[in-house]
Amino acid sequence: MRIVEVGGIKLEIDERTARTIEQYRVGEPVKCLVQAYGDKYDLYPGVIIGFADFAELPTIEVMYANTTFNATDPFIIKAINAKTTGIEIAPMQELELLMDRQGMMVKFDAAIRKMETDLSDMMAKREYFDTHFAAVFERAFAPTLVEDEDGEDS
């Protein structure tokens, strides 16, 4: 049992059955419990990035760091509301704070470098194609001239 004070009234609460109502603010760190597959869940560090105050379905917008090995997208943005399944959030305690600004910037920079490398590779492939194969395609698909009955090209 735990004693808490609510509005000046002291209450004894059984923590096994008590529910906590959380308040979130933009920029607050959170833990994201994300369903990976089946009954497997993964825990990721995240941050509240916004709120959408829809009349029918208020929504919390969260960005979390996909820390799995070889993640194709290092940051994932999710909208969480009453109908969302497969993800839950909880406040992150100060000691749990794994994600700081510098750590996030390192992840963003790494993702940008990978995308720049991928872009550079694709541009090199395009240039190689243009240099070595474009002429073959031009000859293969060039319109052919057909002579009509008068002997003229059409």
C-alpha atoms as a PDB file:
ATOM      1  CA  MET A   1       0.000   0.000   0.000  1.00  0.00           C
ATOM      2  CA  ARG A   2       1.133   3.520  -0.747  1.00  0.00           C
ATOM      3  CA  ILE A   3      -0.122   6.840   0.623  1.00  0.00           C
ATOM      4  CA  VAL A   4      -0.658   9.605  -1.937  1.00  0.00           C
ATOM      5  CA  GLU A   5      -2.137  13.049  -1.618  1.00  0.00           C
ATOM      6  CA  VAL A   6      -4.738  14.118  -4.155  1.00  0.00           C
ATOM      7  CA  GLY A   7      -6.211  17.595  -3.872  1.00  0.00           C
ATOM      8  CA  GLY A   8      -5.186  17.854  -0.213  1.00  0.00           C
ATOM      9  CA  ILE A   9      -6.735  14.477   0.666  1.00  0.00           C
ATOM     10  CA  LYS A  10      -4.431  11.629   1.676  1.00  0.00           C
ATOM     11  CA  LEU A  11      -5.381   8.283   0.172  1.00  0.00           C
ATOM     12  CA  GLU A  12      -4.032   4.812   0.718  1.00  0.00           C
ATOM     13  CA  ILE A  13      -3.628   3.169  -2.666  1.00  0.00           C
ATOM     14  CA  ASP A  14      -3.075  -0.493  -3.509  1.00  0.00           C
ATOM     15  CA  GLU A  15      -0.447  -0.190  -6.260  1.00  0.00           C
ATOM     16  CA  ARG A  16      -1.470  -3.544  -7.761  1.00  0.00           C
ATOM     17  CA  THR A  17      -4.791  -2.092  -8.886  1.00  0.00           C
ATOM     18  CA  ALA A  18      -4.051   1.642  -9.130  1.00  0.00           C
ATOM     19  CA  ARG A  19      -3.914   3.275 -12.556  1.00  0.00           C
ATOM     20  CA  THR A  20      -1.707   6.212 -13.354  1.00  0.00           C
ATOM     21  CA  ILE A  21      -2.908   8.932 -15.696  1.00  0.00           C
ATOM     22  CA  GLU A  22       0.077  10.334 -17.545  1.00  0.00           C
ATOM     23  CA  GLN A  23       0.564  13.851 -18.827  1.00  0.00           C
ATOM     24  CA  TYR A  24       2.795  14.290 -21.845  1.00  0.00           C
ATOM     25  CA  ARG A  25       4.345  17.391 -23.378  1.00  0.00           C
ATOM     26  CA  VAL A  26       6.007  17.896 -26.740  1.00  0.00           C
ATOM     27  CA  GLY A  27       9.698  17.117 -26.400  1.00  0.00           C
ATOM     28  CA  GLU A  28       9.316  14.704 -23.499  1.00  0.00           C
ATOM     29  CA  PRO A  29      11.231  11.440 -23.742  1.00  0.00           C
ATOM     30  CA  VAL A  30       9.165   8.252 -23.712  1.00  0.00           C
ATOM     31  CA  LYS A  31       9.700   4.518 -23.901  1.00  0.00           C
ATOM     32  CA  CYS A  32       7.972   2.909 -26.882  1.00  0.00           C
ATOM     33  CA  LEU A  33       6.941  -0.730 -26.633  1.00  0.00           C
ATOM     34  CA  VAL A  34       6.501  -1.846 -30.235  1.00  0.00           C
ATOM     35  CA  GLN A  35       5.130  -5.187 -31.384  1.00  0.00           C
ATOM     36  CA  ALA A  36       7.755  -6.765 -33.635  1.00  0.00           C
ATOM     37  CA  TYR A  37       5.921  -9.935 -34.667  1.00  0.00           C
ATOM     38  CA  GLY A  38       3.606 -12.367 -32.942  1.00  0.00           C
ATOM     39  CA  ASP A  39       3.983 -11.980 -29.202  1.00  0.00           C
ATOM     40  CA  LYS A  40       7.435 -10.371 -29.436  1.00  0.00           C
ATOM     41  CA  TYR A  41       7.785  -6.734 -28.369  1.00  0.00           C
ATOM     42  CA  ASP A  42      10.818  -4.446 -28.598  1.00  0.00           C
ATOM     43  CA  LEU A  43      11.529  -1.394 -26.444  1.00  0.00           C
ATOM     44  CA  TYR A  44      12.791   1.802 -28.116  1.00  0.00           C
ATOM     45  CA  PRO A  45      13.648   5.299 -26.876  1.00  0.00           C
ATOM     46  CA  GLY A  46      11.354   7.962 -28.285  1.00  0.00           C
ATOM     47  CA  VAL A  47      10.111  11.509 -27.936  1.00  0.00           C
ATOM     48  CA  ILE A  48       6.687  13.170 -28.164  1.00  0.00           C
ATOM     49  CA  ILE A  49       6.744  15.329 -31.307  1.00  0.00           C
ATOM     50  CA  GLY A  50       3.179  16.585 -31.385  1.00  0.00           C
ATOM     51  CA  PHE A  51      -0.480  16.268 -30.612  1.00  0.00           C
ATOM     52  CA  ALA A  52      -3.376  16.243 -33.052  1.00  0.00           C
ATOM     53  CA  ASP A  53      -6.517  17.320 -31.233  1.00  0.00           C
ATOM     54  CA  PHE A  54      -9.031  15.627 -33.511  1.00  0.00           C
ATOM     55  CA  ALA A  55     -12.587  15.775 -32.173  1.00  0.00           C
ATOM     56  CA  GLU A  56     -13.237  12.072 -32.688  1.00  0.00           C
ATOM     57  CA  LEU A  57      -9.771  10.603 -32.147  1.00  0.00           C
ATOM     58  CA  PRO A  58      -7.165  12.702 -30.289  1.00  0.00           C
ATOM     59  CA  THR A  59      -3.706  11.529 -31.337  1.00  0.00           C
ATOM     60  CA  ILE A  60      -0.188  11.670 -29.903  1.00  0.00           C
ATOM     61  CA  GLU A  61       2.636  11.812 -32.451  1.00  0.00           C
ATOM     62  CA  VAL A  62       5.804   9.988 -31.398  1.00  0.00           C
ATOM     63  CA  MET A  63       9.190   9.589 -33.071  1.00  0.00           C
ATOM     64  CA  TYR A  64      11.278   6.684 -31.845  1.00  0.00           C
ATOM     65  CA  ALA A  65      14.795   5.537 -32.653  1.00  0.00           C
ATOM     66  CA  ASN A  66      14.790   2.172 -34.383  1.00  0.00           C
ATOM     67  CA  THR A  67      17.868   0.775 -32.662  1.00  0.00           C
ATOM     68  CA  THR A  68      17.683  -2.684 -34.234  1.00  0.00           C
ATOM     69  CA  PHE A  69      20.778  -3.846 -36.085  1.00  0.00           C
ATOM     70  CA  ASN A  70      20.765  -2.765 -39.757  1.00  0.00           C
ATOM     71  CA  ALA A  71      17.511  -0.810 -39.436  1.00  0.00           C
ATOM     72  CA  THR A  72      16.548   0.578 -42.853  1.00  0.00           C
ATOM     73  CA  ASP A  73      14.832   3.567 -41.261  1.00  0.00           C
ATOM     74  CA  PRO A  74      16.593   4.726 -38.089  1.00  0.00           C
ATOM     75  CA  PHE A  75      13.684   6.946 -37.015  1.00  0.00           C
ATOM     76  CA  ILE A  76      10.042   6.023 -37.161  1.00  0.00           C
ATOM     77  CA  ILE A  77       7.106   8.376 -36.612  1.00  0.00           C
ATOM     78  CA  LYS A  78       3.889   6.876 -35.290  1.00  0.00           C
ATOM     79  CA  ALA A  79       0.477   8.343 -34.547  1.00  0.00           C
ATOM     80  CA  ILE A  80      -0.955   6.838 -31.364  1.00  0.00           C
ATOM     81  CA  ASN A  81      -4.619   7.044 -30.444  1.00  0.00           C
ATOM     82  CA  ALA A  82      -7.368   4.877 -28.951  1.00  0.00           C
ATOM     83  CA  LYS A  83      -7.512   2.693 -32.088  1.00  0.00           C
ATOM     84  CA  THR A  84      -3.749   2.213 -32.501  1.00  0.00           C
ATOM     85  CA  THR A  85      -2.450  -1.290 -31.892  1.00  0.00           C
ATOM     86  CA  GLY A  86       1.055  -2.684 -31.709  1.00  0.00           C
ATOM     87  CA  ILE A  87       2.636   0.243 -29.842  1.00  0.00           C
ATOM     88  CA  GLU A  88       2.414   1.670 -26.336  1.00  0.00           C
ATOM     89  CA  ILE A  89       4.250   4.530 -24.671  1.00  0.00           C
ATOM     90  CA  ALA A  90       5.307   5.196 -21.101  1.00  0.00           C
ATOM     91  CA  PRO A  91       7.258   8.026 -19.500  1.00  0.00           C
ATOM     92  CA  MET A  92      11.018   7.591 -19.579  1.00  0.00           C
ATOM     93  CA  GLN A  93      12.730   8.096 -16.251  1.00  0.00           C
ATOM     94  CA  GLU A  94      15.825  10.292 -16.146  1.00  0.00           C
ATOM     95  CA  LEU A  95      18.107   7.359 -15.459  1.00  0.00           C
ATOM     96  CA  GLU A  96      16.689   5.546 -18.477  1.00  0.00           C
ATOM     97  CA  LEU A  97      17.305   8.414 -20.833  1.00  0.00           C
ATOM     98  CA  LEU A  98      19.290   6.649 -23.539  1.00  0.00           C
ATOM     99  CA  MET A  99      18.554   9.082 -26.298  1.00  0.00           C
ATOM    100  CA  ASP A 100      20.013  12.563 -26.095  1.00  0.00           C
ATOM    101  CA  ARG A 101      20.360  15.276 -28.686  1.00  0.00           C
ATOM    102  CA  GLN A 102      23.918  14.335 -29.609  1.00  0.00           C
ATOM    103  CA  GLY A 103      23.014  10.663 -29.956  1.00  0.00           C
ATOM    104  CA  MET A 104      20.076  11.567 -32.209  1.00  0.00           C
ATOM    105  CA  MET A 105      22.253  13.819 -34.359  1.00  0.00           C
ATOM    106  CA  VAL A 106      24.789  10.991 -34.769  1.00  0.00           C
ATOM    107  CA  LYS A 107      21.994   8.689 -35.976  1.00  0.00           C
ATOM    108  CA  PHE A 108      20.646  11.338 -38.372  1.00  0.00           C
ATOM    109  CA  ASP A 109      24.147  11.989 -39.741  1.00  0.00           C
ATOM    110  CA  ALA A 110      24.753   8.269 -40.272  1.00  0.00           C
ATOM    111  CA  ALA A 111      21.407   7.918 -42.096  1.00  0.00           C
ATOM    112  CA  ILE A 112      22.208  10.954 -44.273  1.00  0.00           C
ATOM    113  CA  ARG A 113      25.673   9.555 -45.144  1.00  0.00           C
ATOM    114  CA  LYS A 114      24.102   6.219 -46.139  1.00  0.00           C
ATOM    115  CA  MET A 115      21.522   7.958 -48.327  1.00  0.00           C
ATOM    116  CA  GLU A 116      24.228  10.126 -49.925  1.00  0.00           C
ATOM    117  CA  THR A 117      26.284   7.003 -50.667  1.00  0.00           C
ATOM    118  CA  ASP A 118      23.223   5.277 -52.152  1.00  0.00           C
ATOM    119  CA  LEU A 119      22.505   8.358 -54.279  1.00  0.00           C
ATOM    120  CA  SER A 120      26.120   8.540 -55.463  1.00  0.00           C
ATOM    121  CA  ASP A 121      26.052   4.827 -56.391  1.00  0.00           C
ATOM    122  CA  MET A 122      22.814   5.262 -58.348  1.00  0.00           C
ATOM    123  CA  MET A 123      24.196   8.296 -60.201  1.00  0.00           C
ATOM    124  CA  ALA A 124      27.344   6.315 -61.129  1.00  0.00           C
ATOM    125  CA  LYS A 125      25.192   3.431 -62.423  1.00  0.00           C
ATOM    126  CA  ARG A 126      23.133   5.889 -64.471  1.00  0.00           C
ATOM    127  CA  GLU A 127      26.278   7.428 -65.954  1.00  0.00           C
ATOM    128  CA  TYR A 128      27.709   3.974 -66.756  1.00  0.00           C
ATOM    129  CA  PHE A 129      24.448   2.979 -68.431  1.00  0.00           C
ATOM    130  CA  ASP A 130      24.328   6.212 -70.417  1.00  0.00           C
ATOM    131  CA  THR A 131      27.938   5.785 -71.541  1.00  0.00           C
ATOM    132  CA  HIS A 132      27.915   2.064 -72.382  1.00  0.00           C
ATOM    133  CA  PHE A 133      24.358   0.982 -73.109  1.00  0.00           C
ATOM    134  CA  ALA A 134      22.255   3.954 -74.195  1.00  0.00           C
ATOM    135  CA  ALA A 135      23.451   3.718 -77.818  1.00  0.00           C
ATOM    136  CA  VAL A 136      22.368   0.058 -77.960  1.00  0.00           C
ATOM    137  CA  PHE A 137      18.875   0.987 -76.797  1.00  0.00           C
ATOM    138  CA  GLU A 138      18.689   3.862 -79.253  1.00  0.00           C
ATOM    139  CA  ARG A 139      19.519   1.532 -82.173  1.00  0.00           C
ATOM    140  CA  ALA A 140      17.164  -1.202 -80.972  1.00  0.00           C
ATOM    141  CA  PHE A 141      14.198   1.098 -80.546  1.00  0.00           C
ATOM    142  CA  ALA A 142      14.877   3.612 -83.325  1.00  0.00           C
ATOM    143  CA  PRO A 143      11.970   4.039 -85.711  1.00  0.00           C
ATOM    144  CA  THR A 144      12.555   2.188 -88.977  1.00  0.00           C
ATOM    145  CA  LEU A 145      11.760   3.790 -92.290  1.00  0.00           C
ATOM    146  CA  VAL A 146       9.386   1.880 -94.535  1.00  0.00           C
ATOM    147  CA  GLU A 147       9.088   2.652 -98.222  1.00  0.00           C
ATOM    148  CA  ASP A 148       5.543   3.053 -99.533  1.00  0.00           C
ATOM    149  CA  GLU A 149       4.399   2.009-103.003  1.00  0.00           C
ATOM    150  CA  ASP A 150       5.714   5.249-104.563  1.00  0.00           C
ATOM    151  CA  GLY A 151       9.235   4.520-103.276  1.00  0.00           C
ATOM    152  CA  GLU A 152       9.117   7.294-100.707  1.00  0.00           C
ATOM    153  CA  ASP A 153      10.065   6.898 -97.064  1.00  0.00           C
ATOM    154  CA  SER A 154       7.278   7.228 -94.555  1.00  0.00           C
END
